[in-house]
Amino acid sequence: MNLKDYIANVKDFPKKGIMFRDVTPALQNNESFHFIIDELAKYAKEVGANVIAGPEARGFALGAAIAYKENLGFVTIRKPNKLPREQITEDYDLEYGKNTLCVHTDAFKKGDKVLIVDDLLATGGTAIASAKLVERLGATVAGFAFIINLKDLNGLSLIKDYSVKYLVEYEGE
């Protein structure tokens, strides 16, 4: 399946000069959505994940579906002021700003093998911040799974020590 047929290209979003790769059409279409979930669920099995984690917001949709398909638990990685119980935080840089991610302190246990799932890999800030949260709580990052890798933004360099799966790549477009 050519997923690029289901990904919308939005020029100058969220700011001028950014070409936003919008995966929502791929999630709206039953065939492409099933393809995405099936492929990333296979990867979860390959890396031996026993927990799936997804950062806000598209990581929620993808991660929860994969966790359900593989009969695994799912952990939400949230933005600030969204979690009601004790949490840890990690600051990171985006391709167009800064942000913080948070997770409950009881989200992962020692021995957990966590697959971190998100829609795309850009500069790698969200991915590496998610990994730091997982590892600070004593779990292991089994790998990362994305629909898209934006090659020119070099996010793979930040997570080069981890196993990574992506379904489609954009370069210089």
C-alpha atoms as a PDB file:
ATOM      1  CA  MET A   1       0.000   0.000   0.000  1.00  0.00           C
ATOM      2  CA  ASN A   2       1.308   3.446  -0.857  1.00  0.00           C
ATOM      3  CA  LEU A   3       0.540   5.405   2.303  1.00  0.00           C
ATOM      4  CA  LYS A   4       1.574   8.676   0.652  1.00  0.00           C
ATOM      5  CA  ASP A   5      -1.730   8.442  -1.223  1.00  0.00           C
ATOM      6  CA  TYR A   6      -3.499   8.867   2.151  1.00  0.00           C
ATOM      7  CA  ILE A   7      -1.296  11.547   3.731  1.00  0.00           C
ATOM      8  CA  ALA A   8      -2.261  15.175   3.182  1.00  0.00           C
ATOM      9  CA  ASN A   9       0.457  17.766   2.630  1.00  0.00           C
ATOM     10  CA  VAL A  10      -0.385  21.074   4.307  1.00  0.00           C
ATOM     11  CA  LYS A  11       1.918  23.952   3.360  1.00  0.00           C
ATOM     12  CA  ASP A  12       2.888  26.560   5.981  1.00  0.00           C
ATOM     13  CA  PHE A  13       1.365  24.776   8.993  1.00  0.00           C
ATOM     14  CA  PRO A  14       1.735  25.343  11.903  1.00  0.00           C
ATOM     15  CA  LYS A  15       3.928  28.199  10.679  1.00  0.00           C
ATOM     16  CA  LYS A  16       5.346  29.518   7.408  1.00  0.00           C
ATOM     17  CA  GLY A  17       7.978  27.280   5.867  1.00  0.00           C
ATOM     18  CA  ILE A  18       6.692  24.024   7.424  1.00  0.00           C
ATOM     19  CA  MET A  19       5.228  21.304   5.195  1.00  0.00           C
ATOM     20  CA  PHE A  20       2.914  19.469   7.596  1.00  0.00           C
ATOM     21  CA  ARG A  21       2.346  15.781   6.819  1.00  0.00           C
ATOM     22  CA  ASP A  22      -1.196  15.133   8.042  1.00  0.00           C
ATOM     23  CA  VAL A  23      -1.934  11.450   8.721  1.00  0.00           C
ATOM     24  CA  THR A  24      -5.592  11.967   9.594  1.00  0.00           C
ATOM     25  CA  PRO A  25      -6.805  10.971   6.106  1.00  0.00           C
ATOM     26  CA  ALA A  26      -4.878   7.693   6.508  1.00  0.00           C
ATOM     27  CA  LEU A  27      -6.614   7.119   9.844  1.00  0.00           C
ATOM     28  CA  GLN A  28     -10.033   7.975   8.382  1.00  0.00           C
ATOM     29  CA  ASN A  29      -9.723   5.400   5.599  1.00  0.00           C
ATOM     30  CA  ASN A  30     -10.462   1.878   6.847  1.00  0.00           C
ATOM     31  CA  GLU A  31      -7.975   0.149   4.519  1.00  0.00           C
ATOM     32  CA  SER A  32      -5.006   2.407   5.268  1.00  0.00           C
ATOM     33  CA  PHE A  33      -5.841   2.505   8.988  1.00  0.00           C
ATOM     34  CA  HIS A  34      -5.932  -1.304   9.165  1.00  0.00           C
ATOM     35  CA  PHE A  35      -2.675  -1.506   7.208  1.00  0.00           C
ATOM     36  CA  ILE A  36      -0.950   0.908   9.601  1.00  0.00           C
ATOM     37  CA  ILE A  37      -2.156  -0.844  12.736  1.00  0.00           C
ATOM     38  CA  ASP A  38      -1.380  -4.326  11.376  1.00  0.00           C
ATOM     39  CA  GLU A  39       2.163  -3.360  10.329  1.00  0.00           C
ATOM     40  CA  LEU A  40       3.007  -1.591  13.581  1.00  0.00           C
ATOM     41  CA  ALA A  41       1.426  -4.398  15.648  1.00  0.00           C
ATOM     42  CA  LYS A  42       3.693  -6.910  13.860  1.00  0.00           C
ATOM     43  CA  TYR A  43       6.631  -4.773  14.873  1.00  0.00           C
ATOM     44  CA  ALA A  44       5.450  -4.674  18.510  1.00  0.00           C
ATOM     45  CA  LYS A  45       5.503  -8.456  18.483  1.00  0.00           C
ATOM     46  CA  GLU A  46       8.953  -8.547  16.794  1.00  0.00           C
ATOM     47  CA  VAL A  47      10.549  -6.377  19.474  1.00  0.00           C
ATOM     48  CA  GLY A  48       8.827  -8.233  22.328  1.00  0.00           C
ATOM     49  CA  ALA A  49       6.928  -5.240  23.683  1.00  0.00           C
ATOM     50  CA  ASN A  50       4.656  -5.876  26.653  1.00  0.00           C
ATOM     51  CA  VAL A  51       3.472  -2.254  26.918  1.00  0.00           C
ATOM     52  CA  ILE A  52       2.649   0.320  24.253  1.00  0.00           C
ATOM     53  CA  ALA A  53       3.102   4.037  24.973  1.00  0.00           C
ATOM     54  CA  GLY A  54       1.889   6.928  22.849  1.00  0.00           C
ATOM     55  CA  PRO A  55       2.559  10.633  23.168  1.00  0.00           C
ATOM     56  CA  GLU A  56      -0.250  13.145  22.689  1.00  0.00           C
ATOM     57  CA  ALA A  57      -2.252  13.132  20.505  1.00  0.00           C
ATOM     58  CA  ARG A  58      -1.904  10.871  17.480  1.00  0.00           C
ATOM     59  CA  GLY A  59       0.221   8.470  19.508  1.00  0.00           C
ATOM     60  CA  PHE A  60      -2.922   7.866  21.570  1.00  0.00           C
ATOM     61  CA  ALA A  61      -4.977   6.695  18.593  1.00  0.00           C
ATOM     62  CA  LEU A  62      -2.245   4.536  17.111  1.00  0.00           C
ATOM     63  CA  GLY A  63      -0.876   3.165  20.350  1.00  0.00           C
ATOM     64  CA  ALA A  64      -4.236   2.243  21.838  1.00  0.00           C
ATOM     65  CA  ALA A  65      -5.258   0.387  18.671  1.00  0.00           C
ATOM     66  CA  ILE A  66      -1.966  -1.542  18.585  1.00  0.00           C
ATOM     67  CA  ALA A  67      -2.184  -2.359  22.296  1.00  0.00           C
ATOM     68  CA  TYR A  68      -5.723  -3.663  21.853  1.00  0.00           C
ATOM     69  CA  LYS A  69      -4.765  -5.754  18.816  1.00  0.00           C
ATOM     70  CA  GLU A  70      -1.805  -7.310  20.663  1.00  0.00           C
ATOM     71  CA  ASN A  71      -3.584  -7.636  24.046  1.00  0.00           C
ATOM     72  CA  LEU A  72      -1.120  -5.292  25.756  1.00  0.00           C
ATOM     73  CA  GLY A  73      -1.444  -2.398  28.144  1.00  0.00           C
ATOM     74  CA  PHE A  74      -1.344   1.186  26.917  1.00  0.00           C
ATOM     75  CA  VAL A  75       0.241   4.245  28.566  1.00  0.00           C
ATOM     76  CA  THR A  76      -0.533   7.828  27.587  1.00  0.00           C
ATOM     77  CA  ILE A  77       2.363  10.271  27.514  1.00  0.00           C
ATOM     78  CA  ARG A  78       0.777  13.655  28.111  1.00  0.00           C
ATOM     79  CA  LYS A  79       1.460  17.334  27.788  1.00  0.00           C
ATOM     80  CA  PRO A  80       1.606  19.431  30.995  1.00  0.00           C
ATOM     81  CA  ASN A  81      -1.412  19.867  33.276  1.00  0.00           C
ATOM     82  CA  LYS A  82      -3.237  16.782  31.996  1.00  0.00           C
ATOM     83  CA  LEU A  83      -2.298  14.108  34.557  1.00  0.00           C
ATOM     84  CA  PRO A  84      -4.056  14.024  37.937  1.00  0.00           C
ATOM     85  CA  ARG A  85      -1.546  11.937  39.939  1.00  0.00           C
ATOM     86  CA  GLU A  86       2.166  12.027  40.756  1.00  0.00           C
ATOM     87  CA  GLN A  87       4.216  12.388  37.585  1.00  0.00           C
ATOM     88  CA  ILE A  88       7.632  12.955  36.107  1.00  0.00           C
ATOM     89  CA  THR A  89       8.334  15.407  33.276  1.00  0.00           C
ATOM     90  CA  GLU A  90      10.815  15.791  30.446  1.00  0.00           C
ATOM     91  CA  ASP A  91      11.433  18.980  28.435  1.00  0.00           C
ATOM     92  CA  TYR A  92      12.349  18.752  24.740  1.00  0.00           C
ATOM     93  CA  ASP A  93      12.739  20.734  21.527  1.00  0.00           C
ATOM     94  CA  LEU A  94      10.376  20.487  18.557  1.00  0.00           C
ATOM     95  CA  GLU A  95      11.113  21.410  14.959  1.00  0.00           C
ATOM     96  CA  TYR A  96       9.164  24.629  15.648  1.00  0.00           C
ATOM     97  CA  GLY A  97       9.324  25.245  19.396  1.00  0.00           C
ATOM     98  CA  LYS A  98       9.686  23.659  22.842  1.00  0.00           C
ATOM     99  CA  ASN A  99       7.435  21.433  24.907  1.00  0.00           C
ATOM    100  CA  THR A 100       7.239  19.120  27.913  1.00  0.00           C
ATOM    101  CA  LEU A 101       5.988  15.559  28.252  1.00  0.00           C
ATOM    102  CA  CYS A 102       4.655  13.946  31.416  1.00  0.00           C
ATOM    103  CA  VAL A 103       3.855  10.446  32.614  1.00  0.00           C
ATOM    104  CA  HIS A 104       2.495   9.048  35.871  1.00  0.00           C
ATOM    105  CA  THR A 105       5.212   7.657  38.137  1.00  0.00           C
ATOM    106  CA  ASP A 106       3.503   4.251  38.156  1.00  0.00           C
ATOM    107  CA  ALA A 107       3.104   4.050  34.355  1.00  0.00           C
ATOM    108  CA  PHE A 108       5.930   1.539  33.813  1.00  0.00           C
ATOM    109  CA  LYS A 109       7.500  -1.204  35.909  1.00  0.00           C
ATOM    110  CA  LYS A 110      11.047  -2.532  35.921  1.00  0.00           C
ATOM    111  CA  GLY A 111      11.188  -5.230  33.285  1.00  0.00           C
ATOM    112  CA  ASP A 112       8.581  -3.634  31.020  1.00  0.00           C
ATOM    113  CA  LYS A 113       9.572  -3.538  27.351  1.00  0.00           C
ATOM    114  CA  VAL A 114       7.864  -0.457  25.944  1.00  0.00           C
ATOM    115  CA  LEU A 115       7.146   0.291  22.296  1.00  0.00           C
ATOM    116  CA  ILE A 116       6.710   4.035  21.807  1.00  0.00           C
ATOM    117  CA  VAL A 117       4.295   4.799  18.963  1.00  0.00           C
ATOM    118  CA  ASP A 118       3.648   8.129  17.245  1.00  0.00           C
ATOM    119  CA  ASP A 119       2.491   9.393  13.865  1.00  0.00           C
ATOM    120  CA  LEU A 120       5.789  10.809  12.701  1.00  0.00           C
ATOM    121  CA  LEU A 121       9.443  11.266  13.482  1.00  0.00           C
ATOM    122  CA  ALA A 122      10.687  14.782  12.762  1.00  0.00           C
ATOM    123  CA  THR A 123      13.576  16.175  14.836  1.00  0.00           C
ATOM    124  CA  GLY A 124      13.255  13.349  17.361  1.00  0.00           C
ATOM    125  CA  GLY A 125      12.516  15.561  20.366  1.00  0.00           C
ATOM    126  CA  THR A 126       9.217  13.922  21.285  1.00  0.00           C
ATOM    127  CA  ALA A 127      10.678  10.460  20.740  1.00  0.00           C
ATOM    128  CA  ILE A 128      13.777  10.924  22.893  1.00  0.00           C
ATOM    129  CA  ALA A 129      11.808  12.692  25.644  1.00  0.00           C
ATOM    130  CA  SER A 130       9.375   9.752  25.686  1.00  0.00           C
ATOM    131  CA  ALA A 131      12.286   7.309  25.910  1.00  0.00           C
ATOM    132  CA  LYS A 132      13.805   9.228  28.821  1.00  0.00           C
ATOM    133  CA  LEU A 133      10.504   9.049  30.717  1.00  0.00           C
ATOM    134  CA  VAL A 134      10.263   5.277  30.143  1.00  0.00           C
ATOM    135  CA  GLU A 135      13.861   4.687  31.233  1.00  0.00           C
ATOM    136  CA  ARG A 136      13.684   6.981  34.264  1.00  0.00           C
ATOM    137  CA  LEU A 137      10.925   4.711  35.590  1.00  0.00           C
ATOM    138  CA  GLY A 138      13.104   1.610  35.171  1.00  0.00           C
ATOM    139  CA  ALA A 139      11.563   0.161  32.023  1.00  0.00           C
ATOM    140  CA  THR A 140      13.283  -0.553  28.703  1.00  0.00           C
ATOM    141  CA  VAL A 141      12.454   0.990  25.344  1.00  0.00           C
ATOM    142  CA  ALA A 142      11.828  -1.979  23.044  1.00  0.00           C
ATOM    143  CA  GLY A 143      11.637   0.363  20.069  1.00  0.00           C
ATOM    144  CA  PHE A 144       9.878   3.171  18.271  1.00  0.00           C
ATOM    145  CA  ALA A 145       7.140   2.868  15.647  1.00  0.00           C
ATOM    146  CA  PHE A 146       6.014   5.671  13.335  1.00  0.00           C
ATOM    147  CA  ILE A 147       3.909   6.053  10.237  1.00  0.00           C
ATOM    148  CA  ILE A 148       6.259   8.710   8.806  1.00  0.00           C
ATOM    149  CA  ASN A 149       9.949   9.528   9.017  1.00  0.00           C
ATOM    150  CA  LEU A 150      10.837  13.064   7.890  1.00  0.00           C
ATOM    151  CA  LYS A 151      14.375  12.190   6.797  1.00  0.00           C
ATOM    152  CA  ASP A 152      15.666  15.747   6.304  1.00  0.00           C
ATOM    153  CA  LEU A 153      14.940  16.648   9.939  1.00  0.00           C
ATOM    154  CA  ASN A 154      17.332  13.889  11.080  1.00  0.00           C
ATOM    155  CA  GLY A 155      15.299  12.604  14.026  1.00  0.00           C
ATOM    156  CA  LEU A 156      16.774   9.139  13.553  1.00  0.00           C
ATOM    157  CA  SER A 157      20.111  10.483  14.804  1.00  0.00           C
ATOM    158  CA  LEU A 158      18.611  11.127  18.273  1.00  0.00           C
ATOM    159  CA  ILE A 159      17.220   7.607  18.570  1.00  0.00           C
ATOM    160  CA  LYS A 160      19.973   5.742  16.698  1.00  0.00           C
ATOM    161  CA  ASP A 161      20.623   3.443  19.666  1.00  0.00           C
ATOM    162  CA  TYR A 162      17.065   2.070  19.544  1.00  0.00           C
ATOM    163  CA  SER A 163      15.156  -0.181  17.190  1.00  0.00           C
ATOM    164  CA  VAL A 164      12.967   1.933  14.865  1.00  0.00           C
ATOM    165  CA  LYS A 165      10.204   1.121  12.392  1.00  0.00           C
ATOM    166  CA  TYR A 166       8.499   3.575  10.055  1.00  0.00           C
ATOM    167  CA  LEU A 167       6.151   2.887   7.170  1.00  0.00           C
ATOM    168  CA  VAL A 168       6.896   5.797   4.814  1.00  0.00           C
ATOM    169  CA  GLU A 169       9.615   8.393   4.479  1.00  0.00           C
ATOM    170  CA  TYR A 170       9.665  11.930   3.086  1.00  0.00           C
ATOM    171  CA  GLU A 171      12.898  13.534   1.928  1.00  0.00           C
ATOM    172  CA  GLY A 172      13.260  17.119   0.796  1.00  0.00           C
ATOM    173  CA  GLU A 173       9.634  17.466  -0.211  1.00  0.00           C
END
